[in-house]
All heavy atoms as atom14 arrays in JSON, in Angstrom:
{
  "sequence": "SIFQFKQGNVLDGQRRILVVDEISESGDTQRIA",
  "atom14_mask": [
    [1, 1, 1, 1, 1, 1, 0, 0, 0, 0, 0, 0, 0, 0],
    [1, 1, 1, 1, 1, 1, 1, 1, 0, 0, 0, 0, 0, 0],
    [1, 1, 1, 1, 1, 1, 1, 1, 1, 1, 1, 0, 0, 0],
    [1, 1, 1, 1, 1, 1, 1, 1, 1, 0, 0, 0, 0, 0],
    [1, 1, 1, 1, 1, 1, 1, 1, 1, 1, 1, 0, 0, 0],
    [1, 1, 1, 1, 1, 1, 1, 1, 1, 0, 0, 0, 0, 0],
    [1, 1, 1, 1, 1, 1, 1, 1, 1, 0, 0, 0, 0, 0],
    [1, 1, 1, 1, 0, 0, 0, 0, 0, 0, 0, 0, 0, 0],
    [1, 1, 1, 1, 1, 1, 1, 1, 0, 0, 0, 0, 0, 0],
    [1, 1, 1, 1, 1, 1, 1, 0, 0, 0, 0, 0, 0, 0],
    [1, 1, 1, 1, 1, 1, 1, 1, 0, 0, 0, 0, 0, 0],
    [1, 1, 1, 1, 1, 1, 1, 1, 0, 0, 0, 0, 0, 0],
    [1, 1, 1, 1, 0, 0, 0, 0, 0, 0, 0, 0, 0, 0],
    [1, 1, 1, 1, 1, 1, 1, 1, 1, 0, 0, 0, 0, 0],
    [1, 1, 1, 1, 1, 1, 1, 1, 1, 1, 1, 0, 0, 0],
    [1, 1, 1, 1, 1, 1, 1, 1, 1, 1, 1, 0, 0, 0],
    [1, 1, 1, 1, 1, 1, 1, 1, 0, 0, 0, 0, 0, 0],
    [1, 1, 1, 1, 1, 1, 1, 1, 0, 0, 0, 0, 0, 0],
    [1, 1, 1, 1, 1, 1, 1, 0, 0, 0, 0, 0, 0, 0],
    [1, 1, 1, 1, 1, 1, 1, 0, 0, 0, 0, 0, 0, 0],
    [1, 1, 1, 1, 1, 1, 1, 1, 0, 0, 0, 0, 0, 0],
    [1, 1, 1, 1, 1, 1, 1, 1, 1, 0, 0, 0, 0, 0],
    [1, 1, 1, 1, 1, 1, 1, 1, 0, 0, 0, 0, 0, 0],
    [1, 1, 1, 1, 1, 1, 0, 0, 0, 0, 0, 0, 0, 0],
    [1, 1, 1, 1, 1, 1, 1, 1, 1, 0, 0, 0, 0, 0],
    [1, 1, 1, 1, 1, 1, 0, 0, 0, 0, 0, 0, 0, 0],
    [1, 1, 1, 1, 0, 0, 0, 0, 0, 0, 0, 0, 0, 0],
    [1, 1, 1, 1, 1, 1, 1, 1, 0, 0, 0, 0, 0, 0],
    [1, 1, 1, 1, 1, 1, 1, 0, 0, 0, 0, 0, 0, 0],
    [1, 1, 1, 1, 1, 1, 1, 1, 1, 0, 0, 0, 0, 0],
    [1, 1, 1, 1, 1, 1, 1, 1, 1, 1, 1, 0, 0, 0],
    [1, 1, 1, 1, 1, 1, 1, 1, 0, 0, 0, 0, 0, 0],
    [1, 1, 1, 1, 1, 0, 0, 0, 0, 0, 0, 0, 0, 0]
  ],
  "atom14_positions": [
    [[0.78, -1.23, 0.0], [0.03, 0.06, 0.07], [0.8, 1.25, -0.02], [0.4, 2.31, -0.47], [-0.92, -0.01, 1.24], [-0.27, 0.12, 2.45], [0.0, 0.0, 0.0], [0.0, 0.0, 0.0], [0.0, 0.0, 0.0], [0.0, 0.0, 0.0], [0.0, 0.0, 0.0], [0.0, 0.0, 0.0], [0.0, 0.0, 0.0], [0.0, 0.0, 0.0]],
    [[2.07, 1.15, 0.49], [2.89, 2.36, 0.55], [3.22, 2.75, -0.87], [3.41, 3.97, -1.16], [4.29, 2.03, 1.34], [3.92, 1.73, 2.83], [5.27, 3.2, 1.28], [5.15, 1.27, 3.56], [0.0, 0.0, 0.0], [0.0, 0.0, 0.0], [0.0, 0.0, 0.0], [0.0, 0.0, 0.0], [0.0, 0.0, 0.0], [0.0, 0.0, 0.0]],
    [[3.45, 1.81, -1.81], [3.89, 2.15, -3.11], [2.75, 2.02, -4.14], [2.97, 1.96, -5.31], [5.03, 1.22, -3.52], [6.19, 1.28, -2.54], [6.34, 0.25, -1.61], [7.05, 2.33, -2.42], [7.43, 0.28, -0.76], [8.13, 2.35, -1.61], [8.23, 1.31, -0.72], [0.0, 0.0, 0.0], [0.0, 0.0, 0.0], [0.0, 0.0, 0.0]],
    [[1.52, 2.02, -3.66], [0.37, 1.84, -4.55], [-0.21, 3.23, -4.97], [-0.4, 4.1, -4.15], [-0.72, 1.1, -3.78], [-1.93, 0.73, -4.62], [-1.6, -0.38, -5.71], [-0.86, -1.26, -5.47], [-2.19, -0.11, -6.85], [0.0, 0.0, 0.0], [0.0, 0.0, 0.0], [0.0, 0.0, 0.0], [0.0, 0.0, 0.0], [0.0, 0.0, 0.0]],
    [[-0.5, 3.3, -6.29], [-1.07, 4.47, -6.86], [-2.25, 4.11, -7.67], [-2.48, 2.83, -7.97], [-0.09, 5.28, -7.64], [1.01, 5.93, -6.81], [2.15, 5.18, -6.63], [0.9, 7.22, -6.35], [3.19, 5.73, -5.82], [1.83, 7.79, -5.56], [3.0, 7.01, -5.28], [0.0, 0.0, 0.0], [0.0, 0.0, 0.0], [0.0, 0.0, 0.0]],
    [[-3.08, 4.97, -8.11], [-4.26, 4.62, -8.88], [-3.89, 3.81, -10.12], [-4.6, 2.94, -10.58], [-4.99, 5.98, -9.36], [-5.75, 6.61, -8.23], [-6.5, 7.77, -8.76], [-7.4, 8.43, -7.69], [-8.18, 9.52, -8.16], [0.0, 0.0, 0.0], [0.0, 0.0, 0.0], [0.0, 0.0, 0.0], [0.0, 0.0, 0.0], [0.0, 0.0, 0.0]],
    [[-2.79, 4.13, -10.76], [-2.48, 3.5, -12.08], [-1.74, 2.19, -11.73], [-1.38, 1.44, -12.72], [-1.52, 4.4, -12.93], [-0.22, 4.75, -12.33], [-0.33, 6.03, -11.48], [-1.36, 6.35, -10.93], [0.73, 6.92, -11.49], [0.0, 0.0, 0.0], [0.0, 0.0, 0.0], [0.0, 0.0, 0.0], [0.0, 0.0, 0.0], [0.0, 0.0, 0.0]],
    [[-1.55, 1.84, -10.48], [-0.92, 0.49, -10.23], [0.19, 0.7, -9.11], [0.39, 1.75, -8.64], [0.0, 0.0, 0.0], [0.0, 0.0, 0.0], [0.0, 0.0, 0.0], [0.0, 0.0, 0.0], [0.0, 0.0, 0.0], [0.0, 0.0, 0.0], [0.0, 0.0, 0.0], [0.0, 0.0, 0.0], [0.0, 0.0, 0.0], [0.0, 0.0, 0.0]],
    [[0.92, -0.4, -8.91], [1.99, -0.34, -7.91], [3.29, -0.09, -8.56], [3.67, -0.8, -9.55], [2.04, -1.68, -7.18], [2.82, -1.49, -5.82], [3.96, -1.21, -5.77], [2.09, -1.67, -4.75], [0.0, 0.0, 0.0], [0.0, 0.0, 0.0], [0.0, 0.0, 0.0], [0.0, 0.0, 0.0], [0.0, 0.0, 0.0], [0.0, 0.0, 0.0]],
    [[4.05, 0.87, -8.11], [5.24, 1.28, -8.8], [6.35, 0.26, -8.66], [7.32, 0.36, -9.43], [5.75, 2.7, -8.22], [4.75, 3.79, -8.47], [6.07, 2.59, -6.7], [0.0, 0.0, 0.0], [0.0, 0.0, 0.0], [0.0, 0.0, 0.0], [0.0, 0.0, 0.0], [0.0, 0.0, 0.0], [0.0, 0.0, 0.0], [0.0, 0.0, 0.0]],
    [[6.23, -0.67, -7.81], [7.36, -1.65, -7.58], [6.94, -3.03, -8.25], [7.7, -4.0, -8.12], [7.74, -1.83, -6.15], [8.31, -0.63, -5.51], [8.78, -0.92, -4.08], [9.49, -0.06, -6.28], [0.0, 0.0, 0.0], [0.0, 0.0, 0.0], [0.0, 0.0, 0.0], [0.0, 0.0, 0.0], [0.0, 0.0, 0.0], [0.0, 0.0, 0.0]],
    [[5.83, -3.14, -8.87], [5.41, -4.34, -9.54], [6.3, -4.59, -10.78], [6.76, -3.71, -11.37], [3.95, -4.36, -9.86], [3.03, -4.79, -8.73], [3.51, -5.48, -7.77], [1.89, -4.46, -8.79], [0.0, 0.0, 0.0], [0.0, 0.0, 0.0], [0.0, 0.0, 0.0], [0.0, 0.0, 0.0], [0.0, 0.0, 0.0], [0.0, 0.0, 0.0]],
    [[6.41, -5.89, -11.22], [7.19, -6.18, -12.31], [8.6, -6.61, -11.98], [9.0, -6.71, -10.84], [0.0, 0.0, 0.0], [0.0, 0.0, 0.0], [0.0, 0.0, 0.0], [0.0, 0.0, 0.0], [0.0, 0.0, 0.0], [0.0, 0.0, 0.0], [0.0, 0.0, 0.0], [0.0, 0.0, 0.0], [0.0, 0.0, 0.0], [0.0, 0.0, 0.0]],
    [[9.44, -6.76, -13.0], [10.75, -7.29, -12.75], [11.74, -6.14, -12.48], [12.61, -5.76, -13.21], [11.2, -8.03, -14.03], [10.36, -9.26, -14.29], [10.9, -10.04, -15.53], [11.55, -9.52, -16.39], [10.6, -11.37, -15.52], [0.0, 0.0, 0.0], [0.0, 0.0, 0.0], [0.0, 0.0, 0.0], [0.0, 0.0, 0.0], [0.0, 0.0, 0.0]],
    [[11.44, -5.55, -11.31], [12.33, -4.5, -10.85], [13.58, -4.94, -10.24], [13.73, -6.1, -9.77], [11.59, -3.76, -9.81], [10.45, -2.9, -10.22], [10.91, -1.54, -10.8], [9.88, -0.49, -10.7], [10.19, 0.82, -10.87], [11.46, 1.21, -11.06], [9.26, 1.67, -10.77], [0.0, 0.0, 0.0], [0.0, 0.0, 0.0], [0.0, 0.0, 0.0]],
    [[14.63, -4.14, -10.38], [15.9, -4.39, -9.67], [16.07, -3.39, -8.54], [16.13, -2.15, -8.79], [17.12, -4.34, -10.61], [17.15, -5.47, -11.64], [18.41, -5.46, -12.52], [19.62, -5.45, -11.73], [20.22, -6.5, -11.18], [19.58, -7.72, -11.34], [21.39, -6.4, -10.52], [0.0, 0.0, 0.0], [0.0, 0.0, 0.0], [0.0, 0.0, 0.0]],
    [[15.92, -3.93, -7.3], [15.72, -3.03, -6.15], [16.94, -3.17, -5.16], [17.33, -4.3, -4.86], [14.48, -3.34, -5.37], [13.23, -3.15, -6.25], [14.36, -2.47, -4.13], [11.99, -3.66, -5.56], [0.0, 0.0, 0.0], [0.0, 0.0, 0.0], [0.0, 0.0, 0.0], [0.0, 0.0, 0.0], [0.0, 0.0, 0.0], [0.0, 0.0, 0.0]],
    [[17.53, -1.99, -4.94], [18.68, -2.04, -3.93], [18.14, -1.29, -2.73], [17.68, -0.22, -2.65], [19.88, -1.25, -4.51], [21.11, -1.23, -3.59], [21.77, -2.62, -3.54], [22.13, -0.15, -4.12], [0.0, 0.0, 0.0], [0.0, 0.0, 0.0], [0.0, 0.0, 0.0], [0.0, 0.0, 0.0], [0.0, 0.0, 0.0], [0.0, 0.0, 0.0]],
    [[18.27, -2.05, -1.56], [17.95, -1.56, -0.24], [19.15, -0.93, 0.44], [20.16, -1.75, 0.62], [17.35, -2.64, 0.65], [16.93, -2.08, 2.03], [16.13, -3.32, 0.01], [0.0, 0.0, 0.0], [0.0, 0.0, 0.0], [0.0, 0.0, 0.0], [0.0, 0.0, 0.0], [0.0, 0.0, 0.0], [0.0, 0.0, 0.0], [0.0, 0.0, 0.0]],
    [[19.08, 0.31, 0.79], [20.36, 0.93, 1.35], [20.07, 1.4, 2.82], [19.08, 2.08, 3.06], [20.64, 2.16, 0.49], [21.87, 3.0, 1.19], [21.15, 1.72, -0.94], [0.0, 0.0, 0.0], [0.0, 0.0, 0.0], [0.0, 0.0, 0.0], [0.0, 0.0, 0.0], [0.0, 0.0, 0.0], [0.0, 0.0, 0.0], [0.0, 0.0, 0.0]],
    [[20.98, 1.04, 3.63], [20.97, 1.47, 5.01], [22.27, 2.27, 5.25], [23.31, 1.93, 4.71], [20.87, 0.32, 6.0], [20.48, 0.73, 7.45], [20.2, 1.93, 7.64], [20.35, -0.17, 8.35], [0.0, 0.0, 0.0], [0.0, 0.0, 0.0], [0.0, 0.0, 0.0], [0.0, 0.0, 0.0], [0.0, 0.0, 0.0], [0.0, 0.0, 0.0]],
    [[22.2, 3.27, 6.07], [23.44, 4.11, 6.32], [24.55, 3.29, 7.11], [25.64, 3.19, 6.69], [23.23, 5.41, 6.98], [24.37, 6.28, 6.98], [24.38, 7.3, 8.13], [23.6, 7.17, 9.14], [25.11, 8.27, 8.12], [0.0, 0.0, 0.0], [0.0, 0.0, 0.0], [0.0, 0.0, 0.0], [0.0, 0.0, 0.0], [0.0, 0.0, 0.0]],
    [[24.08, 2.75, 8.25], [24.96, 2.04, 9.07], [24.32, 0.72, 9.44], [23.26, 0.68, 10.0], [25.28, 2.83, 10.4], [26.0, 4.18, 10.05], [26.22, 2.01, 11.31], [26.24, 5.04, 11.27], [0.0, 0.0, 0.0], [0.0, 0.0, 0.0], [0.0, 0.0, 0.0], [0.0, 0.0, 0.0], [0.0, 0.0, 0.0], [0.0, 0.0, 0.0]],
    [[25.1, -0.33, 9.23], [24.64, -1.64, 9.53], [25.37, -2.28, 10.77], [26.64, -2.36, 10.63], [24.81, -2.68, 8.29], [24.45, -3.91, 8.64], [0.0, 0.0, 0.0], [0.0, 0.0, 0.0], [0.0, 0.0, 0.0], [0.0, 0.0, 0.0], [0.0, 0.0, 0.0], [0.0, 0.0, 0.0], [0.0, 0.0, 0.0], [0.0, 0.0, 0.0]],
    [[24.73, -2.54, 11.76], [25.35, -3.13, 12.97], [25.23, -4.61, 12.95], [26.17, -5.37, 12.82], [24.86, -2.45, 14.26], [25.17, -1.01, 14.36], [24.54, -0.32, 15.5], [23.99, -1.06, 16.41], [24.55, 0.94, 15.6], [0.0, 0.0, 0.0], [0.0, 0.0, 0.0], [0.0, 0.0, 0.0], [0.0, 0.0, 0.0], [0.0, 0.0, 0.0]],
    [[23.98, -5.09, 13.13], [23.69, -6.5, 13.08], [23.32, -6.98, 11.68], [23.42, -8.22, 11.42], [22.57, -6.89, 14.09], [21.29, -6.29, 13.6], [0.0, 0.0, 0.0], [0.0, 0.0, 0.0], [0.0, 0.0, 0.0], [0.0, 0.0, 0.0], [0.0, 0.0, 0.0], [0.0, 0.0, 0.0], [0.0, 0.0, 0.0], [0.0, 0.0, 0.0]],
    [[22.86, -6.12, 10.91], [22.4, -6.42, 9.56], [20.91, -6.84, 9.46], [20.31, -7.05, 8.44], [0.0, 0.0, 0.0], [0.0, 0.0, 0.0], [0.0, 0.0, 0.0], [0.0, 0.0, 0.0], [0.0, 0.0, 0.0], [0.0, 0.0, 0.0], [0.0, 0.0, 0.0], [0.0, 0.0, 0.0], [0.0, 0.0, 0.0], [0.0, 0.0, 0.0]],
    [[20.29, -6.84, 10.65], [18.82, -7.24, 10.81], [17.98, -6.34, 10.05], [16.92, -6.82, 9.42], [18.42, -7.38, 12.19], [18.79, -8.83, 12.8], [19.48, -9.65, 12.07], [18.5, -9.07, 13.98], [0.0, 0.0, 0.0], [0.0, 0.0, 0.0], [0.0, 0.0, 0.0], [0.0, 0.0, 0.0], [0.0, 0.0, 0.0], [0.0, 0.0, 0.0]],
    [[18.13, -5.01, 10.1], [17.25, -4.12, 9.41], [17.19, -4.34, 7.93], [16.09, -4.44, 7.25], [17.65, -2.63, 9.67], [17.74, -2.46, 11.1], [16.64, -1.77, 9.11], [0.0, 0.0, 0.0], [0.0, 0.0, 0.0], [0.0, 0.0, 0.0], [0.0, 0.0, 0.0], [0.0, 0.0, 0.0], [0.0, 0.0, 0.0], [0.0, 0.0, 0.0]],
    [[18.42, -4.57, 7.38], [18.51, -4.9, 5.96], [17.88, -6.24, 5.57], [17.18, -6.37, 4.59], [19.98, -4.85, 5.48], [20.55, -3.54, 5.5], [22.06, -3.65, 5.21], [22.86, -4.03, 6.07], [22.53, -3.36, 3.97], [0.0, 0.0, 0.0], [0.0, 0.0, 0.0], [0.0, 0.0, 0.0], [0.0, 0.0, 0.0], [0.0, 0.0, 0.0]],
    [[18.05, -7.2, 6.52], [17.51, -8.56, 6.16], [15.95, -8.56, 6.17], [15.37, -9.08, 5.27], [18.02, -9.54, 7.25], [19.52, -9.92, 7.24], [19.87, -11.01, 8.24], [21.27, -11.17, 8.35], [22.02, -10.71, 9.39], [21.36, -9.99, 10.3], [23.28, -10.75, 9.43], [0.0, 0.0, 0.0], [0.0, 0.0, 0.0], [0.0, 0.0, 0.0]],
    [[15.35, -8.02, 7.2], [13.98, -7.97, 7.24], [13.36, -7.13, 6.15], [12.31, -7.51, 5.58], [13.37, -7.67, 8.65], [11.88, -7.9, 8.74], [13.7, -6.11, 8.99], [11.5, -9.38, 8.47], [0.0, 0.0, 0.0], [0.0, 0.0, 0.0], [0.0, 0.0, 0.0], [0.0, 0.0, 0.0], [0.0, 0.0, 0.0], [0.0, 0.0, 0.0]],
    [[13.99, -5.99, 5.87], [13.55, -5.1, 4.75], [13.53, -5.89, 3.46], [12.52, -5.83, 2.63], [14.35, -3.85, 4.71], [0.0, 0.0, 0.0], [0.0, 0.0, 0.0], [0.0, 0.0, 0.0], [0.0, 0.0, 0.0], [0.0, 0.0, 0.0], [0.0, 0.0, 0.0], [0.0, 0.0, 0.0], [0.0, 0.0, 0.0], [0.0, 0.0, 0.0]]
  ]
}
């Protein structure tokens, strides 16, 4: 729902997505994201 718009979801399809965190201590935030 965060990325949903009237015309569809902006992240649907064969997207290549990079998740970026500034500082990783345990890595858990990146893992669950």
